[in-house]
PDB file of N, CA and C in Angstrom:
ATOM      1  N   UNK A   1      -8.073  39.255  20.675  1.00  0.00           N
ATOM      2  CA  UNK A   1      -9.003  38.884  22.120  1.00  0.00           C
ATOM      3  C   UNK A   1      -8.419  39.830  23.217  1.00  0.00           C
ATOM      4  N   UNK A   2      -7.183  39.427  23.737  1.00  0.00           N
ATOM      5  CA  UNK A   2      -6.099  39.638  24.469  1.00  0.00           C
ATOM      6  C   UNK A   2      -5.954  41.148  24.447  1.00  0.00           C
ATOM      7  N   UNK A   3      -6.356  41.667  26.073  1.00  0.00           N
ATOM      8  CA  UNK A   3      -5.784  43.048  25.549  1.00  0.00           C
ATOM      9  C   UNK A   3      -4.492  43.543  25.759  1.00  0.00           C
ATOM     10  N   UNK A   4      -3.515  42.384  26.319  1.00  0.00           N
ATOM     11  CA  UNK A   4      -2.215  42.549  26.718  1.00  0.00           C
ATOM     12  C   UNK A   4      -1.528  41.295  25.007  1.00  0.00           C
ATOM     13  N   UNK A   5      -1.069  42.075  23.913  1.00  0.00           N
ATOM     14  CA  UNK A   5      -0.517  41.113  22.919  1.00  0.00           C
ATOM     15  C   UNK A   5       0.363  39.990  23.386  1.00  0.00           C
ATOM     16  N   UNK A   6       0.873  40.080  24.305  1.00  0.00           N
ATOM     17  CA  UNK A   6       2.105  39.133  24.644  1.00  0.00           C
ATOM     18  C   UNK A   6       0.818  38.176  26.118  1.00  0.00           C
ATOM     19  N   UNK A   7      -0.330  38.134  25.916  1.00  0.00           N
ATOM     20  CA  UNK A   7      -0.985  37.673  27.142  1.00  0.00           C
ATOM     21  C   UNK A   7      -0.306  35.559  26.771  1.00  0.00           C
ATOM     22  N   UNK A   8      -0.106  35.097  27.380  1.00  0.00           N
ATOM     23  CA  UNK A   8       0.010  33.880  26.994  1.00  0.00           C
ATOM     24  C   UNK A   8      -1.253  32.999  27.537  1.00  0.00           C
ATOM     25  N   UNK A   9      -1.885  33.506  28.478  1.00  0.00           N
ATOM     26  CA  UNK A   9      -3.102  32.391  28.470  1.00  0.00           C
ATOM     27  C   UNK A   9      -4.057  32.131  27.894  1.00  0.00           C
ATOM     28  N   UNK A  10      -4.158  30.640  27.578  1.00  0.00           N
ATOM     29  CA  UNK A  10      -5.251  29.899  26.914  1.00  0.00           C
ATOM     30  C   UNK A  10      -6.861  30.901  27.144  1.00  0.00           C
ATOM     31  N   UNK A  11      -7.377  30.888  28.408  1.00  0.00           N
ATOM     32  CA  UNK A  11      -8.442  31.179  29.107  1.00  0.00           C
ATOM     33  C   UNK A  11      -8.333  32.697  29.094  1.00  0.00           C
ATOM     34  N   UNK A  12      -9.237  32.970  28.566  1.00  0.00           N
ATOM     35  CA  UNK A  12      -9.520  34.848  28.635  1.00  0.00           C
ATOM     36  C   UNK A  12     -11.240  35.757  29.354  1.00  0.00           C
ATOM     37  N   UNK A  13     -11.006  36.056  30.177  1.00  0.00           N
ATOM     38  CA  UNK A  13     -12.198  36.958  30.581  1.00  0.00           C
ATOM     39  C   UNK A  13     -12.818  38.002  29.037  1.00  0.00           C
ATOM     40  N   UNK A  14     -14.286  38.356  29.640  1.00  0.00           N
ATOM     41  CA  UNK A  14     -14.694  39.468  29.097  1.00  0.00           C
ATOM     42  C   UNK A  14     -13.685  40.633  28.379  1.00  0.00           C
ATOM     43  N   UNK A  15     -12.773  40.944  29.255  1.00  0.00           N
ATOM     44  CA  UNK A  15     -12.247  42.150  29.172  1.00  0.00           C
ATOM     45  C   UNK A  15     -10.612  41.967  28.369  1.00  0.00           C
ATOM     46  N   UNK A  16     -10.319  40.527  28.009  1.00  0.00           N
ATOM     47  CA  UNK A  16      -9.510  40.107  27.120  1.00  0.00           C
ATOM     48  C   UNK A  16      -8.368  39.681  28.397  1.00  0.00           C
ATOM     49  N   UNK A  17      -8.302  39.922  29.829  1.00  0.00           N
ATOM     50  CA  UNK A  17      -6.851  39.415  30.878  1.00  0.00           C
ATOM     51  C   UNK A  17      -7.436  38.021  31.025  1.00  0.00           C
ATOM     52  N   UNK A  18      -6.433  37.516  31.665  1.00  0.00           N
ATOM     53  CA  UNK A  18      -6.313  35.758  32.160  1.00  0.00           C
ATOM     54  C   UNK A  18      -7.361  35.779  33.141  1.00  0.00           C
ATOM     55  N   UNK A  19      -7.983  34.673  32.497  1.00  0.00           N
ATOM     56  CA  UNK A  19      -9.370  34.461  33.637  1.00  0.00           C
ATOM     57  C   UNK A  19      -8.827  33.843  34.938  1.00  0.00           C
ATOM     58  N   UNK A  20      -8.661  33.733  36.015  1.00  0.00           N
ATOM     59  CA  UNK A  20      -9.017  34.047  37.587  1.00  0.00           C
ATOM     60  C   UNK A  20      -8.685  32.184  37.428  1.00  0.00           C
ATOM     61  N   UNK A  21      -7.731  31.640  38.263  1.00  0.00           N
ATOM     62  CA  UNK A  21      -8.259  30.232  38.726  1.00  0.00           C
ATOM     63  C   UNK A  21      -9.137  30.312  39.367  1.00  0.00           C
ATOM     64  N   UNK A  22      -9.781  30.852  39.852  1.00  0.00           N
ATOM     65  CA  UNK A  22     -11.079  30.784  41.217  1.00  0.00           C
ATOM     66  C   UNK A  22     -11.980  30.754  40.060  1.00  0.00           C
ATOM     67  N   UNK A  23     -12.279  30.899  39.030  1.00  0.00           N
ATOM     68  CA  UNK A  23     -13.445  31.244  38.084  1.00  0.00           C
ATOM     69  C   UNK A  23     -13.374  30.202  37.364  1.00  0.00           C
ATOM     70  N   UNK A  24     -12.193  29.653  36.903  1.00  0.00           N
ATOM     71  CA  UNK A  24     -12.186  28.420  36.243  1.00  0.00           C
ATOM     72  C   UNK A  24     -12.298  27.331  36.857  1.00  0.00           C
ATOM     73  N   UNK A  25     -11.894  27.265  38.429  1.00  0.00           N
ATOM     74  CA  UNK A  25     -13.056  26.512  38.926  1.00  0.00           C
ATOM     75  C   UNK A  25     -13.998  25.858  39.390  1.00  0.00           C
ATOM     76  N   UNK A  26     -14.807  27.513  39.712  1.00  0.00           N
ATOM     77  CA  UNK A  26     -16.245  27.322  39.494  1.00  0.00           C
ATOM     78  C   UNK A  26     -17.159  26.929  38.325  1.00  0.00           C
ATOM     79  N   UNK A  27     -16.160  27.386  37.259  1.00  0.00           N
ATOM     80  CA  UNK A  27     -16.866  27.048  35.587  1.00  0.00           C
ATOM     81  C   UNK A  27     -17.252  25.304  35.834  1.00  0.00           C
ATOM     82  N   UNK A  28     -15.872  25.177  36.082  1.00  0.00           N
ATOM     83  CA  UNK A  28     -15.992  23.406  36.291  1.00  0.00           C
ATOM     84  C   UNK A  28     -16.886  22.617  37.171  1.00  0.00           C
ATOM     85  N   UNK A  29     -16.881  22.932  38.078  1.00  0.00           N
ATOM     86  CA  UNK A  29     -17.556  22.796  39.443  1.00  0.00           C
ATOM     87  C   UNK A  29     -19.057  22.916  39.008  1.00  0.00           C
ATOM     88  N   UNK A  30     -19.484  24.090  38.188  1.00  0.00           N
ATOM     89  CA  UNK A  30     -20.594  24.529  38.379  1.00  0.00           C
ATOM     90  C   UNK A  30     -21.748  23.290  37.236  1.00  0.00           C
ATOM     91  N   UNK A  31     -21.063  23.009  35.992  1.00  0.00           N
ATOM     92  CA  UNK A  31     -20.883  22.213  34.842  1.00  0.00           C
ATOM     93  C   UNK A  31     -21.111  20.966  35.510  1.00  0.00           C
ATOM     94  N   UNK A  32     -19.949  20.581  36.336  1.00  0.00           N
ATOM     95  CA  UNK A  32     -20.161  18.870  36.698  1.00  0.00           C
ATOM     96  C   UNK A  32     -21.178  18.824  37.553  1.00  0.00           C
ATOM     97  N   UNK A  33     -21.319  19.525  38.539  1.00  0.00           N
ATOM     98  CA  UNK A  33     -22.776  19.527  38.975  1.00  0.00           C
ATOM     99  C   UNK A  33     -24.220  19.782  38.524  1.00  0.00           C
ATOM    100  N   UNK A  34     -24.279  19.840  36.976  1.00  0.00           N
ATOM    101  CA  UNK A  34     -25.298  20.148  36.088  1.00  0.00           C
ATOM    102  C   UNK A  34     -25.064  18.489  35.361  1.00  0.00           C
ATOM    103  N   UNK A  35     -24.029  18.500  35.170  1.00  0.00           N
ATOM    104  CA  UNK A  35     -24.459  17.222  34.531  1.00  0.00           C
ATOM    105  C   UNK A  35     -24.155  15.692  34.951  1.00  0.00           C
ATOM    106  N   UNK A  36     -24.412  15.968  36.319  1.00  0.00           N
ATOM    107  CA  UNK A  36     -24.204  14.877  37.706  1.00  0.00           C
ATOM    108  C   UNK A  36     -23.405  14.094  37.698  1.00  0.00           C
ATOM    109  N   UNK A  37     -22.001  14.206  37.500  1.00  0.00           N
ATOM    110  CA  UNK A  37     -21.270  13.426  37.554  1.00  0.00           C
ATOM    111  C   UNK A  37     -20.602  13.141  38.654  1.00  0.00           C
ATOM    112  N   UNK A  38     -20.612  11.737  39.511  1.00  0.00           N
ATOM    113  CA  UNK A  38     -20.155  11.831  40.594  1.00  0.00           C
ATOM    114  C   UNK A  38     -18.847  11.270  40.650  1.00  0.00           C
ATOM    115  N   UNK A  39     -18.259  11.408  41.540  1.00  0.00           N
ATOM    116  CA  UNK A  39     -16.305  11.827  41.714  1.00  0.00           C
ATOM    117  C   UNK A  39     -16.446  13.112  41.674  1.00  0.00           C
ATOM    118  N   UNK A  40     -15.444  13.910  42.408  1.00  0.00           N
ATOM    119  CA  UNK A  40     -14.724  15.176  42.498  1.00  0.00           C
ATOM    120  C   UNK A  40     -14.383  15.262  41.029  1.00  0.00           C
ATOM    121  N   UNK A  41     -14.482  16.204  40.303  1.00  0.00           N
ATOM    122  CA  UNK A  41     -14.442  16.555  39.287  1.00  0.00           C
ATOM    123  C   UNK A  41     -14.029  17.618  39.102  1.00  0.00           C
ATOM    124  N   UNK A  42     -12.421  18.453  39.112  1.00  0.00           N
ATOM    125  CA  UNK A  42     -11.800  19.471  39.526  1.00  0.00           C
ATOM    126  C   UNK A  42     -11.276  19.478  38.041  1.00  0.00           C
ATOM    127  N   UNK A  43     -10.375  20.578  37.950  1.00  0.00           N
ATOM    128  CA  UNK A  43      -9.248  21.315  36.926  1.00  0.00           C
ATOM    129  C   UNK A  43      -8.341  20.771  36.831  1.00  0.00           C
ATOM    130  N   UNK A  44      -7.784  20.283  38.014  1.00  0.00           N
ATOM    131  CA  UNK A  44      -6.815  19.337  37.600  1.00  0.00           C
ATOM    132  C   UNK A  44      -7.164  18.035  37.074  1.00  0.00           C
ATOM    133  N   UNK A  45      -8.688  17.621  36.889  1.00  0.00           N
ATOM    134  CA  UNK A  45      -8.736  15.857  36.592  1.00  0.00           C
ATOM    135  C   UNK A  45      -8.560  16.322  34.398  1.00  0.00           C
ATOM    136  N   UNK A  46      -8.796  17.570  34.171  1.00  0.00           N
ATOM    137  CA  UNK A  46      -8.591  17.684  33.106  1.00  0.00           C
ATOM    138  C   UNK A  46      -6.660  17.664  32.474  1.00  0.00           C
ATOM    139  N   UNK A  47      -6.274  17.807  33.585  1.00  0.00           N
ATOM    140  CA  UNK A  47      -4.473  18.013  33.381  1.00  0.00           C
ATOM    141  C   UNK A  47      -4.212  16.412  33.355  1.00  0.00           C
ATOM    142  N   UNK A  48      -4.481  15.702  34.089  1.00  0.00           N
ATOM    143  CA  UNK A  48      -4.587  13.863  34.518  1.00  0.00           C
ATOM    144  C   UNK A  48      -5.322  13.461  33.117  1.00  0.00           C
ATOM    145  N   UNK A  49      -6.255  13.640  32.783  1.00  0.00           N
ATOM    146  CA  UNK A  49      -7.127  12.726  31.425  1.00  0.00           C
ATOM    147  C   UNK A  49      -6.301  13.184  30.605  1.00  0.00           C
ATOM    148  N   UNK A  50      -5.979  14.765  30.360  1.00  0.00           N
ATOM    149  CA  UNK A  50      -4.809  14.938  28.822  1.00  0.00           C
ATOM    150  C   UNK A  50      -3.584  13.696  29.056  1.00  0.00           C
ATOM    151  N   UNK A  51      -2.986  13.999  30.110  1.00  0.00           N
ATOM    152  CA  UNK A  51      -1.964  13.977  30.334  1.00  0.00           C
ATOM    153  C   UNK A  51      -1.773  11.829  30.115  1.00  0.00           C
ATOM    154  N   UNK A  52      -2.843  11.033  30.576  1.00  0.00           N
ATOM    155  CA  UNK A  52      -3.443   9.800  30.062  1.00  0.00           C
ATOM    156  C   UNK A  52      -3.234   9.625  28.838  1.00  0.00           C
ATOM    157  N   UNK A  53      -4.302  10.301  28.257  1.00  0.00           N
ATOM    158  CA  UNK A  53      -4.676   9.719  26.734  1.00  0.00           C
ATOM    159  C   UNK A  53      -3.399  10.591  25.678  1.00  0.00           C
ATOM    160  N   UNK A  54      -2.679  11.130  26.506  1.00  0.00           N
ATOM    161  CA  UNK A  54      -1.689  11.240  25.221  1.00  0.00           C
ATOM    162  C   UNK A  54      -0.794  10.071  25.594  1.00  0.00           C
ATOM    163  N   UNK A  55      -0.485   9.811  26.332  1.00  0.00           N
ATOM    164  CA  UNK A  55       0.409   8.350  26.855  1.00  0.00           C
ATOM    165  C   UNK A  55      -0.067   7.340  25.642  1.00  0.00           C
ATOM    166  N   UNK A  56      -1.317   7.016  26.349  1.00  0.00           N
ATOM    167  CA  UNK A  56      -2.427   5.753  25.430  1.00  0.00           C
ATOM    168  C   UNK A  56      -2.288   6.012  24.232  1.00  0.00           C
ATOM    169  N   UNK A  57      -1.534   6.766  23.611  1.00  0.00           N
ATOM    170  CA  UNK A  57      -2.361   7.609  21.944  1.00  0.00           C
ATOM    171  C   UNK A  57      -0.483   7.701  21.867  1.00  0.00           C
ATOM    172  N   UNK A  58       0.529   7.251  22.618  1.00  0.00           N
ATOM    173  CA  UNK A  58       1.905   6.866  22.074  1.00  0.00           C
ATOM    174  C   UNK A  58       2.377   7.917  21.584  1.00  0.00           C
ATOM    175  N   UNK A  59       2.590   9.258  22.767  1.00  0.00           N
ATOM    176  CA  UNK A  59       3.189  10.106  22.953  1.00  0.00           C
ATOM    177  C   UNK A  59       4.334   9.984  23.543  1.00  0.00           C
ATOM    178  N   UNK A  60       5.880  10.248  23.009  1.00  0.00           N
ATOM    179  CA  UNK A  60       6.649  10.219  24.131  1.00  0.00           C
ATOM    180  C   UNK A  60       6.699  10.841  25.182  1.00  0.00           C
ATOM    181  N   UNK A  61       7.102   9.795  26.671  1.00  0.00           N
ATOM    182  CA  UNK A  61       6.790  10.855  27.822  1.00  0.00           C
ATOM    183  C   UNK A  61       8.007  12.207  28.173  1.00  0.00           C
ATOM    184  N   UNK A  62       8.541  11.956  27.522  1.00  0.00           N
ATOM    185  CA  UNK A  62       9.686  13.122  27.563  1.00  0.00           C
ATOM    186  C   UNK A  62       9.005  14.044  26.895  1.00  0.00           C
ATOM    187  N   UNK A  63       8.325  14.124  25.725  1.00  0.00           N
ATOM    188  CA  UNK A  63       8.047  15.418  25.342  1.00  0.00           C
ATOM    189  C   UNK A  63       6.835  15.714  26.313  1.00  0.00           C
ATOM    190  N   UNK A  64       6.226  14.775  27.014  1.00  0.00           N
ATOM    191  CA  UNK A  64       4.774  15.613  27.747  1.00  0.00           C
ATOM    192  C   UNK A  64       5.343  15.496  29.115  1.00  0.00           C
ATOM    193  N   UNK A  65       6.561  15.539  29.388  1.00  0.00           N
ATOM    194  CA  UNK A  65       7.026  15.753  30.862  1.00  0.00           C
ATOM    195  C   UNK A  65       7.271  17.219  30.687  1.00  0.00           C
ATOM    196  N   UNK A  66       7.441  17.528  29.100  1.00  0.00           N
ATOM    197  CA  UNK A  66       7.911  18.751  29.164  1.00  0.00           C
ATOM    198  C   UNK A  66       7.072  19.743  28.901  1.00  0.00           C
ATOM    199  N   UNK A  67       5.695  19.074  28.375  1.00  0.00           N
ATOM    200  CA  UNK A  67       4.728  19.600  27.709  1.00  0.00           C
ATOM    201  C   UNK A  67       4.179  20.015  29.324  1.00  0.00           C
ATOM    202  N   UNK A  68       4.197  19.278  30.388  1.00  0.00           N
ATOM    203  CA  UNK A  68       3.542  19.945  31.677  1.00  0.00           C
ATOM    204  C   UNK A  68       4.487  20.451  32.309  1.00  0.00           C
ATOM    205  N   UNK A  69       5.336  20.778  32.426  1.00  0.00           N
ATOM    206  CA  UNK A  69       6.406  22.026  33.113  1.00  0.00           C
ATOM    207  C   UNK A  69       7.276  20.952  33.769  1.00  0.00           C
ATOM    208  N   UNK A  70       7.146  19.950  33.838  1.00  0.00           N
ATOM    209  CA  UNK A  70       7.895  18.963  35.005  1.00  0.00           C
ATOM    210  C   UNK A  70       9.669  18.723  35.150  1.00  0.00           C
ATOM    211  N   UNK A  71      10.257  18.603  35.835  1.00  0.00           N
ATOM    212  CA  UNK A  71      11.957  18.257  35.667  1.00  0.00           C
ATOM    213  C   UNK A  71      11.925  16.898  35.857  1.00  0.00           C
ATOM    214  N   UNK A  72      11.000  16.079  36.728  1.00  0.00           N
ATOM    215  CA  UNK A  72      11.304  14.807  36.649  1.00  0.00           C
ATOM    216  C   UNK A  72      10.401  14.067  35.991  1.00  0.00           C
ATOM    217  N   UNK A  73      11.187  12.890  35.433  1.00  0.00           N
ATOM    218  CA  UNK A  73       9.767  11.799  34.703  1.00  0.00           C
ATOM    219  C   UNK A  73       8.929  11.168  35.908  1.00  0.00           C
ATOM    220  N   UNK A  74       9.335  11.123  37.240  1.00  0.00           N
ATOM    221  CA  UNK A  74       8.380  10.251  37.919  1.00  0.00           C
ATOM    222  C   UNK A  74       7.650  11.311  38.304  1.00  0.00           C
ATOM    223  N   UNK A  75       7.329  12.583  38.210  1.00  0.00           N
ATOM    224  CA  UNK A  75       6.354  13.388  38.759  1.00  0.00           C
ATOM    225  C   UNK A  75       5.185  12.615  37.652  1.00  0.00           C
ATOM    226  N   UNK A  76       5.342  12.350  36.578  1.00  0.00           N
ATOM    227  CA  UNK A  76       4.218  11.781  35.309  1.00  0.00           C
ATOM    228  C   UNK A  76       3.443  10.694  35.903  1.00  0.00           C
ATOM    229  N   UNK A  77       4.145   9.727  36.703  1.00  0.00           N
ATOM    230  CA  UNK A  77       3.433   8.634  37.898  1.00  0.00           C
ATOM    231  C   UNK A  77       2.094   9.268  38.243  1.00  0.00           C
ATOM    232  N   UNK A  78       2.462  10.412  38.726  1.00  0.00           N
ATOM    233  CA  UNK A  78       0.577  11.004  39.677  1.00  0.00           C
ATOM    234  C   UNK A  78      -0.190  11.918  38.634  1.00  0.00           C
ATOM    235  N   UNK A  79       0.263  11.963  37.753  1.00  0.00           N
ATOM    236  CA  UNK A  79      -0.777  12.154  36.487  1.00  0.00           C
ATOM    237  C   UNK A  79      -1.292  11.352  35.756  1.00  0.00           C
ATOM    238  N   UNK A  80      -0.802   9.859  35.486  1.00  0.00           N
ATOM    239  CA  UNK A  80      -1.657   8.955  34.175  1.00  0.00           C
ATOM    240  C   UNK A  80      -1.991   7.984  35.076  1.00  0.00           C
ATOM    241  N   UNK A  81      -3.137   7.755  34.856  1.00  0.00           N
ATOM    242  CA  UNK A  81      -3.746   6.327  34.903  1.00  0.00           C
ATOM    243  C   UNK A  81      -4.245   5.497  33.853  1.00  0.00           C
ATOM    244  N   UNK A  82      -3.063   4.873  33.950  1.00  0.00           N
ATOM    245  CA  UNK A  82      -2.796   3.977  33.249  1.00  0.00           C
ATOM    246  C   UNK A  82      -2.853   2.511  33.905  1.00  0.00           C
ATOM    247  N   UNK A  83      -3.706   1.354  32.476  1.00  0.00           N
ATOM    248  CA  UNK A  83      -4.299   0.037  33.335  1.00  0.00           C
ATOM    249  C   UNK A  83      -3.287  -1.076  32.481  1.00  0.00           C
ATOM    250  N   UNK A  84      -3.367  -2.116  33.099  1.00  0.00           N
ATOM    251  CA  UNK A  84      -2.580  -3.056  32.567  1.00  0.00           C
ATOM    252  C   UNK A  84      -2.608  -3.264  31.327  1.00  0.00           C
ATOM    253  N   UNK A  85      -4.245  -3.259  30.239  1.00  0.00           N
ATOM    254  CA  UNK A  85      -4.417  -3.296  28.677  1.00  0.00           C
ATOM    255  C   UNK A  85      -3.424  -1.821  28.204  1.00  0.00           C
ATOM    256  N   UNK A  86      -3.135  -0.776  29.129  1.00  0.00           N
ATOM    257  CA  UNK A  86      -2.372   0.331  27.768  1.00  0.00           C
ATOM    258  C   UNK A  86      -1.232  -0.381  28.309  1.00  0.00           C
ATOM    259  N   UNK A  87      -0.468  -1.102  28.981  1.00  0.00           N
ATOM    260  CA  UNK A  87       1.035  -1.157  29.118  1.00  0.00           C
ATOM    261  C   UNK A  87       1.338  -2.079  28.444  1.00  0.00           C
ATOM    262  N   UNK A  88       0.448  -3.671  27.638  1.00  0.00           N
ATOM    263  CA  UNK A  88       0.337  -4.417  26.897  1.00  0.00           C
ATOM    264  C   UNK A  88       0.617  -4.153  25.294  1.00  0.00           C
ATOM    265  N   UNK A  89       0.630  -3.027  25.084  1.00  0.00           N
ATOM    266  CA  UNK A  89       1.036  -2.590  23.655  1.00  0.00           C
ATOM    267  C   UNK A  89       2.011  -2.592  23.352  1.00  0.00           C
ATOM    268  N   UNK A  90       2.786  -1.609  24.690  1.00  0.00           N
ATOM    269  CA  UNK A  90       4.071  -1.162  24.237  1.00  0.00           C
ATOM    270  C   UNK A  90       5.240  -2.405  24.421  1.00  0.00           C
ATOM    271  N   UNK A  91       4.586  -3.320  25.160  1.00  0.00           N
ATOM    272  CA  UNK A  91       5.473  -4.631  25.753  1.00  0.00           C
ATOM    273  C   UNK A  91       5.776  -5.485  24.485  1.00  0.00           C
ATOM    274  N   UNK A  92       4.436  -5.745  23.927  1.00  0.00           N
ATOM    275  CA  UNK A  92       4.283  -6.498  23.152  1.00  0.00           C
ATOM    276  C   UNK A  92       5.314  -6.050  21.695  1.00  0.00           C
ATOM    277  N   UNK A  93       5.320  -4.736  21.887  1.00  0.00           N
ATOM    278  CA  UNK A  93       5.945  -4.265  20.604  1.00  0.00           C
ATOM    279  C   UNK A  93       7.645  -3.803  20.878  1.00  0.00           C
ATOM    280  N   UNK A  94       8.024  -3.867  22.010  1.00  0.00           N
ATOM    281  CA  UNK A  94       9.323  -3.701  22.591  1.00  0.00           C
ATOM    282  C   UNK A  94      10.048  -4.669  23.149  1.00  0.00           C
ATOM    283  N   UNK A  95       9.241  -5.752  23.676  1.00  0.00           N
ATOM    284  CA  UNK A  95       9.950  -6.965  24.456  1.00  0.00           C
ATOM    285  C   UNK A  95      10.462  -7.767  23.099  1.00  0.00           C
ATOM    286  N   UNK A  96      11.883  -8.113  23.445  1.00  0.00           N
ATOM    287  CA  UNK A  96      12.709  -8.776  22.644  1.00  0.00           C
ATOM    288  C   UNK A  96      12.201 -10.440  22.206  1.00  0.00           C
ATOM    289  N   UNK A  97      10.997 -10.728  22.992  1.00  0.00           N
ATOM    290  CA  UNK A  97      10.494 -12.276  23.155  1.00  0.00           C
ATOM    291  C   UNK A  97       9.288 -12.139  21.929  1.00  0.00           C
ATOM    292  N   UNK A  98       8.721 -11.226  22.352  1.00  0.00           N
ATOM    293  CA  UNK A  98       7.302 -11.146  21.555  1.00  0.00           C
ATOM    294  C   UNK A  98       8.004 -10.653  20.076  1.00  0.00           C
ATOM    295  N   UNK A  99       8.983  -9.998  19.769  1.00  0.00           N
ATOM    296  CA  UNK A  99       9.423  -9.896  18.587  1.00  0.00           C
ATOM    297  C   UNK A  99       9.788 -11.066  17.393  1.00  0.00           C
ATOM    298  N   UNK A 100      10.476 -12.436  18.659  1.00  0.00           N
ATOM    299  CA  UNK A 100      10.498 -13.743  18.438  1.00  0.00           C
ATOM    300  C   UNK A 100       9.563 -14.214  17.463  1.00  0.00           C
ATOM    301  N   UNK A 101       8.430 -14.128  17.997  1.00  0.00           N
ATOM    302  CA  UNK A 101       7.141 -14.496  17.814  1.00  0.00           C
ATOM    303  C   UNK A 101       6.465 -14.187  16.154  1.00  0.00           C
ATOM    304  N   UNK A 102       7.171 -13.038  15.282  1.00  0.00           N
ATOM    305  CA  UNK A 102       6.612 -12.341  13.823  1.00  0.00           C
ATOM    306  C   UNK A 102       7.535 -13.091  13.172  1.00  0.00           C
TER     307      UNK A 102
END
């Protein structure tokens, strides 16, 4: 499908070249309006949702940092929307006092 065999883009247009950001943004905006979704839905919403679900699913945060292309782990805090329930599971698995209960 790609016009250039070295193309690394995930989303391609009809001519086989990289789909431009503004085109993807318009597609996301159009679908969110058709779906009557409340709130602001952007292409970045997908990035944040994916990051959050990876962590909830037990992904290693160091691998996630590399996947998202960040140099610092601190940047991940802007991408993840974790709740206290999400944090209880690793706490229960790792905290020494919790292990004593078993």
